[in-house]
Every structure is written in C-alpha cells, then in structure tokens.
Amino acid sequence: MKREMLQLREALMDLTGVLNRPQPDAALIAMAGIDLDRALFPLLVRIERHGPLGIKELAELCGRDYTTVSRQVTKLESLGLAARQVHEQDARIKQAVITERGRVMTTALDGAREKIITSLLADWDKQELADLSRLLRKLADDALRFVQAEKARQA
C-alpha cells in the first residue's frame, strides 16, 4: 500500500504541476478562441458552475486571497462577463454571478477543454475512462470533505 500511496502522490504532484503551468491555460484559451487573462478564466468557470458565489467563497474554491479575487471579479465585471448582486438572505454579502456574455465564454472554454481531454485520453478504453472519472470524483469529494472538516475544526 505504501508504494501505491507514493505513486499516487507523485501522480498528483505531476498533475498539479502541469495544471499550474501557464502553457496549458494559454493553449485552452487559444483553442477556445477567446481573449481573456488566464488568471480570470478559473474564476469565471467557477462562478458559472457554482454561482451565485460570495467573493470569500469564490476565493476559497480557487485557493486564492480574498482581496485578489475581489479585484479579479471587478475585472470580470468590467469585461461584462460577471456581475455582483446582493445575497438574497444577507444584504451585506455581494455575490458574483455569470452574465450571458460570460456564459458564452465558458461554453467556448468547455468545448476546448473537451477537445484537449479527448486527445489526451484517445488511447483509453471506455472502462478505463469510466474508472478514472469515478475514482477522481471520489478523491475530489473526499478532499473537499477533508478541507471542510479542517475549516470547521479551526473555527
């Protein structure tokens, strides 16, 4: 089991390294045919997938500082890709929401991402792909639960 855990850790570190490099983001943006700062598109996609989102919640989802995310959401607003609205239950909270223009952009990003992933997995059979999808979702869900439990423990 120890060997498998080391292999898993190495694979996750390699994937994280690839995902944090500028080249994959630049390739995705170019393939999508959009003009957007690569620091902004992860925020835009999360707003589209999980919004409306408070800025603090968005910052936590992205693993970024609140003030940085606030500035970046302001930039998305200036581009007409996102807007801020008052939270329904708490008027003190401003939430980021996707605009129609932003949704068009995330649709283009989704199409480009699908082409890239399809290319990467071209030699995989259906069962391998199904197993990967299921197991990655399970790992992601467990990791999210861990982070939430740690956050609650520290509160």
C-alpha atoms as a PDB file:
ATOM      1  CA  MET A   1       0.000   0.000   0.000  1.00  0.00           C
ATOM      2  CA  LYS A   2       2.878   2.351   0.802  1.00  0.00           C
ATOM      3  CA  ARG A   3       4.214   2.047  -2.765  1.00  0.00           C
ATOM      4  CA  GLU A   4       0.791   2.842  -4.219  1.00  0.00           C
ATOM      5  CA  MET A   5       0.445   5.889  -1.965  1.00  0.00           C
ATOM      6  CA  LEU A   6       3.828   7.167  -3.135  1.00  0.00           C
ATOM      7  CA  GLN A   7       2.824   6.614  -6.773  1.00  0.00           C
ATOM      8  CA  LEU A   8      -0.466   8.407  -6.173  1.00  0.00           C
ATOM      9  CA  ARG A   9       1.294  11.335  -4.516  1.00  0.00           C
ATOM     10  CA  GLU A  10       3.767  11.603  -7.393  1.00  0.00           C
ATOM     11  CA  ALA A  11       0.972  11.483  -9.975  1.00  0.00           C
ATOM     12  CA  LEU A  12      -0.999  14.174  -8.132  1.00  0.00           C
ATOM     13  CA  MET A  13       2.092  16.362  -7.860  1.00  0.00           C
ATOM     14  CA  ASP A  14       2.790  15.910 -11.583  1.00  0.00           C
ATOM     15  CA  LEU A  15      -0.806  16.767 -12.492  1.00  0.00           C
ATOM     16  CA  THR A  16      -0.797  19.786 -10.192  1.00  0.00           C
ATOM     17  CA  GLY A  17       2.439  20.940 -11.774  1.00  0.00           C
ATOM     18  CA  VAL A  18       1.011  20.632 -15.266  1.00  0.00           C
ATOM     19  CA  LEU A  19      -2.239  22.373 -14.300  1.00  0.00           C
ATOM     20  CA  ASN A  20      -0.378  25.251 -12.650  1.00  0.00           C
ATOM     21  CA  ARG A  21       1.822  25.961 -15.666  1.00  0.00           C
ATOM     22  CA  PRO A  22       0.832  28.820 -17.962  1.00  0.00           C
ATOM     23  CA  GLN A  23       1.113  26.796 -21.186  1.00  0.00           C
ATOM     24  CA  PRO A  24      -1.998  24.602 -20.723  1.00  0.00           C
ATOM     25  CA  ASP A  25      -4.098  27.654 -19.834  1.00  0.00           C
ATOM     26  CA  ALA A  26      -2.765  29.588 -22.809  1.00  0.00           C
ATOM     27  CA  ALA A  27      -3.472  26.633 -25.111  1.00  0.00           C
ATOM     28  CA  LEU A  28      -7.002  26.290 -23.734  1.00  0.00           C
ATOM     29  CA  ILE A  29      -7.730  29.998 -24.198  1.00  0.00           C
ATOM     30  CA  ALA A  30      -6.316  29.955 -27.741  1.00  0.00           C
ATOM     31  CA  MET A  31      -8.275  26.826 -28.672  1.00  0.00           C
ATOM     32  CA  ALA A  32     -11.462  28.377 -27.277  1.00  0.00           C
ATOM     33  CA  GLY A  33     -10.845  31.424 -29.456  1.00  0.00           C
ATOM     34  CA  ILE A  34     -11.342  33.865 -26.611  1.00  0.00           C
ATOM     35  CA  ASP A  35      -9.423  36.854 -25.327  1.00  0.00           C
ATOM     36  CA  LEU A  36      -9.149  36.576 -21.544  1.00  0.00           C
ATOM     37  CA  ASP A  37      -6.362  36.866 -18.993  1.00  0.00           C
ATOM     38  CA  ARG A  38      -5.547  33.315 -17.925  1.00  0.00           C
ATOM     39  CA  ALA A  39      -5.840  34.289 -14.237  1.00  0.00           C
ATOM     40  CA  LEU A  40      -9.501  35.163 -14.775  1.00  0.00           C
ATOM     41  CA  PHE A  41     -10.924  32.118 -16.511  1.00  0.00           C
ATOM     42  CA  PRO A  42     -10.823  29.753 -13.478  1.00  0.00           C
ATOM     43  CA  LEU A  43     -12.880  32.336 -11.564  1.00  0.00           C
ATOM     44  CA  LEU A  44     -15.310  32.755 -14.431  1.00  0.00           C
ATOM     45  CA  VAL A  45     -15.809  28.997 -14.757  1.00  0.00           C
ATOM     46  CA  ARG A  46     -16.401  28.582 -11.011  1.00  0.00           C
ATOM     47  CA  ILE A  47     -18.909  31.447 -10.993  1.00  0.00           C
ATOM     48  CA  GLU A  48     -20.726  29.790 -13.885  1.00  0.00           C
ATOM     49  CA  ARG A  49     -20.673  26.318 -12.285  1.00  0.00           C
ATOM     50  CA  HIS A  50     -21.355  27.222  -8.651  1.00  0.00           C
ATOM     51  CA  GLY A  51     -22.760  30.749  -8.692  1.00  0.00           C
ATOM     52  CA  PRO A  52     -24.012  32.919  -7.387  1.00  0.00           C
ATOM     53  CA  LEU A  53     -20.963  32.911  -5.124  1.00  0.00           C
ATOM     54  CA  GLY A  54     -19.808  35.246  -2.408  1.00  0.00           C
ATOM     55  CA  ILE A  55     -16.310  36.583  -3.001  1.00  0.00           C
ATOM     56  CA  LYS A  56     -14.987  34.828   0.108  1.00  0.00           C
ATOM     57  CA  GLU A  57     -16.451  31.508  -1.025  1.00  0.00           C
ATOM     58  CA  LEU A  58     -15.064  32.006  -4.541  1.00  0.00           C
ATOM     59  CA  ALA A  59     -11.621  32.766  -3.102  1.00  0.00           C
ATOM     60  CA  GLU A  60     -11.730  29.543  -1.065  1.00  0.00           C
ATOM     61  CA  LEU A  61     -12.787  27.492  -4.092  1.00  0.00           C
ATOM     62  CA  CYS A  62      -9.887  28.887  -6.097  1.00  0.00           C
ATOM     63  CA  GLY A  63      -7.342  28.770  -3.307  1.00  0.00           C
ATOM     64  CA  ARG A  64      -6.670  32.491  -3.682  1.00  0.00           C
ATOM     65  CA  ASP A  65      -6.622  35.510  -1.414  1.00  0.00           C
ATOM     66  CA  TYR A  66      -9.938  37.341  -0.889  1.00  0.00           C
ATOM     67  CA  THR A  67      -8.590  40.738  -1.979  1.00  0.00           C
ATOM     68  CA  THR A  68      -7.054  39.270  -5.141  1.00  0.00           C
ATOM     69  CA  VAL A  69     -10.312  37.552  -6.065  1.00  0.00           C
ATOM     70  CA  SER A  70     -12.286  40.715  -5.366  1.00  0.00           C
ATOM     71  CA  ARG A  71     -10.065  42.653  -7.792  1.00  0.00           C
ATOM     72  CA  GLN A  72     -10.338  39.889 -10.373  1.00  0.00           C
ATOM     73  CA  VAL A  73     -14.149  39.815 -10.105  1.00  0.00           C
ATOM     74  CA  THR A  74     -14.110  43.580 -10.639  1.00  0.00           C
ATOM     75  CA  LYS A  75     -12.111  42.936 -13.828  1.00  0.00           C
ATOM     76  CA  LEU A  76     -14.654  40.282 -14.925  1.00  0.00           C
ATOM     77  CA  GLU A  77     -17.398  42.841 -14.291  1.00  0.00           C
ATOM     78  CA  SER A  78     -15.625  45.472 -16.378  1.00  0.00           C
ATOM     79  CA  LEU A  79     -15.444  42.950 -19.237  1.00  0.00           C
ATOM     80  CA  GLY A  80     -19.166  42.217 -18.936  1.00  0.00           C
ATOM     81  CA  LEU A  81     -18.522  38.555 -18.035  1.00  0.00           C
ATOM     82  CA  ALA A  82     -19.767  38.639 -14.442  1.00  0.00           C
ATOM     83  CA  ALA A  83     -21.825  40.903 -12.219  1.00  0.00           C
ATOM     84  CA  ARG A  84     -22.287  41.360  -8.498  1.00  0.00           C
ATOM     85  CA  GLN A  85     -25.631  41.083  -6.804  1.00  0.00           C
ATOM     86  CA  VAL A  86     -26.854  41.311  -3.232  1.00  0.00           C
ATOM     87  CA  HIS A  87     -27.309  37.978  -1.456  1.00  0.00           C
ATOM     88  CA  GLU A  88     -30.992  37.101  -1.027  1.00  0.00           C
ATOM     89  CA  GLN A  89     -30.744  36.349   2.715  1.00  0.00           C
ATOM     90  CA  ASP A  90     -27.942  38.716   3.746  1.00  0.00           C
ATOM     91  CA  ALA A  91     -27.718  42.158   2.124  1.00  0.00           C
ATOM     92  CA  ARG A  92     -24.182  42.593   3.480  1.00  0.00           C
ATOM     93  CA  ILE A  93     -22.910  39.878   1.121  1.00  0.00           C
ATOM     94  CA  LYS A  94     -22.221  40.603  -2.542  1.00  0.00           C
ATOM     95  CA  GLN A  95     -22.294  37.603  -4.832  1.00  0.00           C
ATOM     96  CA  ALA A  96     -20.681  37.104  -8.214  1.00  0.00           C
ATOM     97  CA  VAL A  97     -22.983  35.856 -10.961  1.00  0.00           C
ATOM     98  CA  ILE A  98     -22.311  34.944 -14.570  1.00  0.00           C
ATOM     99  CA  THR A  99     -23.631  37.141 -17.366  1.00  0.00           C
ATOM    100  CA  GLU A 100     -24.823  35.882 -20.725  1.00  0.00           C
ATOM    101  CA  ARG A 101     -21.562  37.070 -22.276  1.00  0.00           C
ATOM    102  CA  GLY A 102     -19.673  35.154 -19.587  1.00  0.00           C
ATOM    103  CA  ARG A 103     -21.729  32.030 -20.270  1.00  0.00           C
ATOM    104  CA  VAL A 104     -20.833  32.217 -23.968  1.00  0.00           C
ATOM    105  CA  MET A 105     -17.172  32.339 -22.965  1.00  0.00           C
ATOM    106  CA  THR A 106     -17.418  29.385 -20.547  1.00  0.00           C
ATOM    107  CA  THR A 107     -19.174  27.367 -23.249  1.00  0.00           C
ATOM    108  CA  ALA A 108     -16.233  28.043 -25.581  1.00  0.00           C
ATOM    109  CA  LEU A 109     -13.797  27.037 -22.821  1.00  0.00           C
ATOM    110  CA  ASP A 110     -15.770  23.832 -22.177  1.00  0.00           C
ATOM    111  CA  GLY A 111     -15.602  22.907 -25.864  1.00  0.00           C
ATOM    112  CA  ALA A 112     -11.849  23.498 -25.987  1.00  0.00           C
ATOM    113  CA  ARG A 113     -11.299  21.590 -22.725  1.00  0.00           C
ATOM    114  CA  GLU A 114     -13.269  18.639 -24.098  1.00  0.00           C
ATOM    115  CA  LYS A 115     -11.093  18.569 -27.245  1.00  0.00           C
ATOM    116  CA  ILE A 116      -7.905  18.593 -25.176  1.00  0.00           C
ATOM    117  CA  ILE A 117      -9.094  15.878 -22.793  1.00  0.00           C
ATOM    118  CA  THR A 118     -10.414  13.756 -25.663  1.00  0.00           C
ATOM    119  CA  SER A 119      -6.992  13.995 -27.275  1.00  0.00           C
ATOM    120  CA  LEU A 120      -5.215  13.064 -24.028  1.00  0.00           C
ATOM    121  CA  LEU A 121      -7.479  10.059 -23.479  1.00  0.00           C
ATOM    122  CA  ALA A 122      -7.701   8.907 -27.098  1.00  0.00           C
ATOM    123  CA  ASP A 123      -5.973   5.589 -26.359  1.00  0.00           C
ATOM    124  CA  TRP A 124      -8.031   4.806 -23.254  1.00  0.00           C
ATOM    125  CA  ASP A 125     -10.880   2.306 -23.447  1.00  0.00           C
ATOM    126  CA  LYS A 126     -14.348   3.093 -22.110  1.00  0.00           C
ATOM    127  CA  GLN A 127     -13.855   1.181 -18.866  1.00  0.00           C
ATOM    128  CA  GLU A 128     -10.585   2.955 -18.083  1.00  0.00           C
ATOM    129  CA  LEU A 129     -12.263   6.300 -18.679  1.00  0.00           C
ATOM    130  CA  ALA A 130     -15.257   5.337 -16.540  1.00  0.00           C
ATOM    131  CA  ASP A 131     -12.953   4.155 -13.733  1.00  0.00           C
ATOM    132  CA  LEU A 132     -10.859   7.323 -13.906  1.00  0.00           C
ATOM    133  CA  SER A 133     -13.933   9.561 -13.800  1.00  0.00           C
ATOM    134  CA  ARG A 134     -15.477   7.686 -10.880  1.00  0.00           C
ATOM    135  CA  LEU A 135     -12.295   7.489  -8.842  1.00  0.00           C
ATOM    136  CA  LEU A 136     -11.244  11.101  -9.450  1.00  0.00           C
ATOM    137  CA  ARG A 137     -14.698  12.280  -8.382  1.00  0.00           C
ATOM    138  CA  LYS A 138     -14.442  10.150  -5.254  1.00  0.00           C
ATOM    139  CA  LEU A 139     -10.981  11.555  -4.464  1.00  0.00           C
ATOM    140  CA  ALA A 140     -12.137  15.132  -5.089  1.00  0.00           C
ATOM    141  CA  ASP A 141     -15.210  14.675  -2.877  1.00  0.00           C
ATOM    142  CA  ASP A 142     -13.121  13.196  -0.067  1.00  0.00           C
ATOM    143  CA  ALA A 143     -10.586  16.028  -0.382  1.00  0.00           C
ATOM    144  CA  LEU A 144     -13.376  18.626  -0.227  1.00  0.00           C
ATOM    145  CA  ARG A 145     -14.805  16.964   2.879  1.00  0.00           C
ATOM    146  CA  PHE A 146     -11.347  16.980   4.470  1.00  0.00           C
ATOM    147  CA  VAL A 147     -10.924  20.705   3.797  1.00  0.00           C
ATOM    148  CA  GLN A 148     -14.392  21.471   5.167  1.00  0.00           C
ATOM    149  CA  ALA A 149     -13.749  19.415   8.312  1.00  0.00           C
ATOM    150  CA  GLU A 150     -10.405  21.181   8.876  1.00  0.00           C
ATOM    151  CA  LYS A 151     -12.069  24.548   8.392  1.00  0.00           C
ATOM    152  CA  ALA A 152     -14.765  23.644  10.922  1.00  0.00           C
ATOM    153  CA  ARG A 153     -12.173  22.307  13.360  1.00  0.00           C
ATOM    154  CA  GLN A 154     -10.199  25.556  13.196  1.00  0.00           C
ATOM    155  CA  ALA A 155     -13.286  27.760  13.633  1.00  0.00           C
END
